[in-house]
C-alpha atoms as a PDB file:
ATOM      1  CA  MET A   1      21.242-204.750 -51.146  1.00  0.00           C
ATOM      2  CA  SER A   2      19.179-206.926 -49.582  1.00  0.00           C
ATOM      3  CA  ALA A   3      19.906-208.241 -45.938  1.00  0.00           C
ATOM      4  CA  SER A   4      17.913-211.019 -46.438  1.00  0.00           C
ATOM      5  CA  THR A   5      19.415-212.971 -49.660  1.00  0.00           C
ATOM      6  CA  MET A   6      23.191-214.335 -48.940  1.00  0.00           C
ATOM      7  CA  HIS A   7      25.267-214.735 -52.063  1.00  0.00           C
ATOM      8  CA  HIS A   8      28.384-217.156 -52.510  1.00  0.00           C
ATOM      9  CA  PHE A   9      31.457-216.450 -54.862  1.00  0.00           C
ATOM     10  CA  MET A  10      34.605-217.058 -55.176  1.00  0.00           C
ATOM     11  CA  LEU A  11      37.010-214.714 -54.981  1.00  0.00           C
ATOM     12  CA  GLU A  12      40.323-215.576 -56.291  1.00  0.00           C
ATOM     13  CA  ARG A  13      44.230-214.346 -56.995  1.00  0.00           C
ATOM     14  CA  GLY A  14      47.143-214.930 -59.216  1.00  0.00           C
ATOM     15  CA  ASP A  15      47.729-215.413 -62.584  1.00  0.00           C
ATOM     16  CA  THR A  16      44.705-215.976 -64.478  1.00  0.00           C
ATOM     17  CA  SER A  17      45.901-214.688 -67.757  1.00  0.00           C
ATOM     18  CA  GLY A  18      46.324-218.209 -69.050  1.00  0.00           C
ATOM     19  CA  ASP A  19      49.794-216.878 -70.475  1.00  0.00           C
ATOM     20  CA  GLY A  20      52.227-217.832 -67.260  1.00  0.00           C
ATOM     21  CA  HIS A  21      52.489-220.259 -64.433  1.00  0.00           C
ATOM     22  CA  GLU A  22      48.947-220.460 -63.932  1.00  0.00           C
ATOM     23  CA  LYS A  23      48.951-220.481 -60.143  1.00  0.00           C
ATOM     24  CA  THR A  24      45.825-219.128 -58.578  1.00  0.00           C
ATOM     25  CA  SER A  25      44.020-219.352 -55.220  1.00  0.00           C
ATOM     26  CA  PHE A  26      40.396-219.304 -54.083  1.00  0.00           C
ATOM     27  CA  VAL A  27      38.412-218.706 -51.355  1.00  0.00           C
ATOM     28  CA  LEU A  28      34.705-218.841 -50.938  1.00  0.00           C
ATOM     29  CA  VAL A  29      32.926-215.786 -49.797  1.00  0.00           C
ATOM     30  CA  ARG A  30      29.623-215.478 -48.618  1.00  0.00           C
ATOM     31  CA  SER A  31      27.694-211.822 -48.833  1.00  0.00           C
ATOM     32  CA  SER A  32      25.154-210.002 -48.969  1.00  0.00           C
ATOM     33  CA  LEU A  33      26.424-208.069 -51.822  1.00  0.00           C
ATOM     34  CA  SER A  34      25.432-209.962 -55.259  1.00  0.00           C
ATOM     35  CA  LEU A  35      29.068-210.520 -57.125  1.00  0.00           C
ATOM     36  CA  SER A  36      28.446-206.837 -59.338  1.00  0.00           C
ATOM     37  CA  GLU A  37      27.557-204.953 -56.197  1.00  0.00           C
ATOM     38  CA  THR A  38      30.732-206.588 -55.004  1.00  0.00           C
ATOM     39  CA  MET A  39      32.715-205.185 -57.509  1.00  0.00           C
ATOM     40  CA  GLU A  40      31.010-201.779 -57.559  1.00  0.00           C
ATOM     41  CA  ALA A  41      31.381-201.645 -54.089  1.00  0.00           C
ATOM     42  CA  TYR A  42      35.254-202.475 -54.143  1.00  0.00           C
ATOM     43  CA  ARG A  43      35.294-199.209 -56.594  1.00  0.00           C
ATOM     44  CA  ARG A  44      33.932-197.493 -54.197  1.00  0.00           C
ATOM     45  CA  GLY A  45      36.200-198.359 -51.445  1.00  0.00           C
ATOM     46  CA  VAL A  46      39.204-197.877 -53.492  1.00  0.00           C
ATOM     47  CA  VAL A  47      38.390-193.993 -53.473  1.00  0.00           C
ATOM     48  CA  VAL A  48      37.794-194.101 -49.157  1.00  0.00           C
ATOM     49  CA  LEU A  49      41.058-195.854 -49.733  1.00  0.00           C
ATOM     50  CA  GLY A  50      43.007-193.905 -52.040  1.00  0.00           C
ATOM     51  CA  HIS A  51      44.839-197.607 -53.246  1.00  0.00           C
ATOM     52  CA  ASP A  52      43.583-199.875 -55.908  1.00  0.00           C
ATOM     53  CA  VAL A  53      45.349-202.653 -54.324  1.00  0.00           C
ATOM     54  CA  ILE A  54      43.941-205.698 -57.192  1.00  0.00           C
ATOM     55  CA  ASN A  55      45.507-203.086 -59.960  1.00  0.00           C
ATOM     56  CA  THR A  56      48.537-201.622 -58.041  1.00  0.00           C
ATOM     57  CA  CYS A  57      49.910-204.191 -55.723  1.00  0.00           C
ATOM     58  CA  CYS A  58      51.116-207.474 -56.538  1.00  0.00           C
ATOM     59  CA  VAL A  59      51.180-206.980 -60.037  1.00  0.00           C
ATOM     60  CA  GLU A  60      54.746-208.688 -61.280  1.00  0.00           C
ATOM     61  CA  HIS A  61      55.703-211.981 -61.071  1.00  0.00           C
ATOM     62  CA  GLU A  62      57.705-212.640 -57.620  1.00  0.00           C
ATOM     63  CA  ASP A  63      56.148-208.717 -56.364  1.00  0.00           C
ATOM     64  CA  THR A  64      54.925-210.371 -53.032  1.00  0.00           C
ATOM     65  CA  ARG A  65      54.849-207.504 -50.261  1.00  0.00           C
ATOM     66  CA  ILE A  66      51.904-204.549 -49.758  1.00  0.00           C
ATOM     67  CA  PRO A  67      53.543-201.616 -49.984  1.00  0.00           C
ATOM     68  CA  ASP A  68      53.770-199.243 -47.120  1.00  0.00           C
ATOM     69  CA  GLU A  69      51.654-196.873 -47.877  1.00  0.00           C
ATOM     70  CA  VAL A  70      49.196-198.752 -49.085  1.00  0.00           C
ATOM     71  CA  VAL A  71      48.922-200.996 -45.036  1.00  0.00           C
ATOM     72  CA  ALA A  72      49.147-197.242 -43.978  1.00  0.00           C
ATOM     73  CA  ALA A  73      46.138-196.607 -45.758  1.00  0.00           C
ATOM     74  CA  LEU A  74      44.337-200.021 -44.606  1.00  0.00           C
ATOM     75  CA  ILE A  75      45.339-199.343 -41.214  1.00  0.00           C
ATOM     76  CA  ARG A  76      43.833-195.303 -41.362  1.00  0.00           C
ATOM     77  CA  THR A  77      40.664-196.860 -42.636  1.00  0.00           C
ATOM     78  CA  GLY A  78      40.471-199.338 -39.863  1.00  0.00           C
ATOM     79  CA  TRP A  79      41.857-202.588 -41.273  1.00  0.00           C
ATOM     80  CA  ASP A  80      43.241-204.593 -37.968  1.00  0.00           C
ATOM     81  CA  LEU A  81      46.898-205.564 -38.764  1.00  0.00           C
ATOM     82  CA  LYS A  82      47.396-207.227 -35.887  1.00  0.00           C
ATOM     83  CA  ALA A  83      44.153-209.466 -36.056  1.00  0.00           C
ATOM     84  CA  ASN A  84      44.766-210.250 -40.039  1.00  0.00           C
ATOM     85  CA  ALA A  85      48.134-211.358 -40.287  1.00  0.00           C
ATOM     86  CA  ASP A  86      49.898-214.408 -38.939  1.00  0.00           C
ATOM     87  CA  LYS A  87      52.871-214.023 -36.801  1.00  0.00           C
ATOM     88  CA  TRP A  88      55.443-214.349 -39.002  1.00  0.00           C
ATOM     89  CA  THR A  89      54.317-211.977 -41.815  1.00  0.00           C
ATOM     90  CA  LEU A  90      54.012-209.242 -38.713  1.00  0.00           C
ATOM     91  CA  ALA A  91      57.341-209.801 -37.556  1.00  0.00           C
ATOM     92  CA  ASP A  92      58.712-209.210 -41.462  1.00  0.00           C
ATOM     93  CA  TYR A  93      56.348-206.345 -41.584  1.00  0.00           C
ATOM     94  CA  GLU A  94      57.543-205.081 -38.074  1.00  0.00           C
ATOM     95  CA  VAL A  95      61.780-205.293 -39.070  1.00  0.00           C
ATOM     96  CA  GLY A  96      60.568-203.306 -42.501  1.00  0.00           C
ATOM     97  CA  LYS A  97      60.236-205.698 -44.847  1.00  0.00           C
ATOM     98  CA  GLY A  98      57.224-204.743 -45.467  1.00  0.00           C
ATOM     99  CA  LEU A  99      53.895-206.782 -45.699  1.00  0.00           C
ATOM    100  CA  GLY A 100      53.484-210.258 -47.272  1.00  0.00           C
ATOM    101  CA  GLY A 101      50.445-210.303 -49.284  1.00  0.00           C
ATOM    102  CA  SER A 102      49.703-214.134 -49.980  1.00  0.00           C
ATOM    103  CA  ASP A 103      48.159-214.322 -45.691  1.00  0.00           C
ATOM    104  CA  VAL A 104      46.394-210.935 -46.260  1.00  0.00           C
ATOM    105  CA  TRP A 105      45.800-210.414 -49.766  1.00  0.00           C
ATOM    106  CA  PHE A 106      41.667-211.571 -49.387  1.00  0.00           C
ATOM    107  CA  GLY A 107      40.676-210.167 -46.038  1.00  0.00           C
ATOM    108  CA  ILE A 108      41.904-206.763 -47.644  1.00  0.00           C
ATOM    109  CA  TYR A 109      39.831-206.798 -50.774  1.00  0.00           C
ATOM    110  CA  LEU A 110      37.192-207.602 -48.594  1.00  0.00           C
ATOM    111  CA  HIS A 111      37.809-204.660 -46.021  1.00  0.00           C
ATOM    112  CA  VAL A 112      37.983-202.054 -49.244  1.00  0.00           C
ATOM    113  CA  VAL A 113      34.497-203.959 -50.617  1.00  0.00           C
ATOM    114  CA  ARG A 114      33.217-202.555 -46.863  1.00  0.00           C
ATOM    115  CA  LEU A 115      34.895-199.181 -47.371  1.00  0.00           C
ATOM    116  CA  GLY A 116      32.691-198.946 -49.984  1.00  0.00           C
ATOM    117  CA  GLU A 117      29.791-200.223 -48.680  1.00  0.00           C
ATOM    118  CA  PRO A 118      29.810-200.173 -44.977  1.00  0.00           C
ATOM    119  CA  ALA A 119      26.658-201.824 -44.316  1.00  0.00           C
ATOM    120  CA  ALA A 120      28.047-205.403 -46.123  1.00  0.00           C
ATOM    121  CA  ASP A 121      27.287-208.241 -44.552  1.00  0.00           C
ATOM    122  CA  MET A 122      30.490-210.540 -45.719  1.00  0.00           C
ATOM    123  CA  ALA A 123      32.888-213.858 -44.319  1.00  0.00           C
ATOM    124  CA  ILE A 124      35.468-216.218 -46.139  1.00  0.00           C
ATOM    125  CA  ILE A 125      34.359-219.354 -45.898  1.00  0.00           C
ATOM    126  CA  PRO A 126      37.103-221.526 -44.838  1.00  0.00           C
ATOM    127  CA  ASN A 127      37.659-225.011 -45.817  1.00  0.00           C
ATOM    128  CA  ALA A 128      35.031-225.350 -48.211  1.00  0.00           C
ATOM    129  CA  SER A 129      36.268-227.466 -50.722  1.00  0.00           C
ATOM    130  CA  ILE A 130      36.163-231.306 -51.365  1.00  0.00           C
ATOM    131  CA  ASP A 131      38.342-233.218 -53.231  1.00  0.00           C
ATOM    132  CA  THR A 132      36.453-235.489 -55.807  1.00  0.00           C
ATOM    133  CA  GLY A 133      39.660-236.509 -57.459  1.00  0.00           C
ATOM    134  CA  GLY A 134      39.612-236.457 -61.046  1.00  0.00           C
ATOM    135  CA  TYR A 135      43.620-235.982 -61.368  1.00  0.00           C
ATOM    136  CA  GLY A 136      43.895-237.240 -64.467  1.00  0.00           C
ATOM    137  CA  LEU A 137      41.487-234.568 -65.865  1.00  0.00           C
ATOM    138  CA  GLU A 138      44.065-231.415 -64.929  1.00  0.00           C
ATOM    139  CA  SER A 139      47.036-233.292 -66.709  1.00  0.00           C
END
């Protein structure tokens, strides 16, 4: 890992299989880790967390909640629920409805990566897209 070199890559969530509803969301990440270093750090972070979020949470259609035991492990490892969840997500969680994954998913992924590589300098770059038109190309 070179602290002077910064990498940029997209994180994607949703149905990427091409055989379903194919709805996905993306964020751009700036990182001191390369793409392959990030994936390896995630694997190491899974060991620390005790949960593989990618392969066990929100994997079925309309499965939108992070299980309580995963939230507990995230908090135990330093993830700040109140800083990462909006007031509606937090309110649902506090009344026992579980933690909705939509607004916290990418941040949870980065937290797990940092568990595997604590020196990683990573940030989501908000609003990092430009609409270039081409509506007809996607229809």
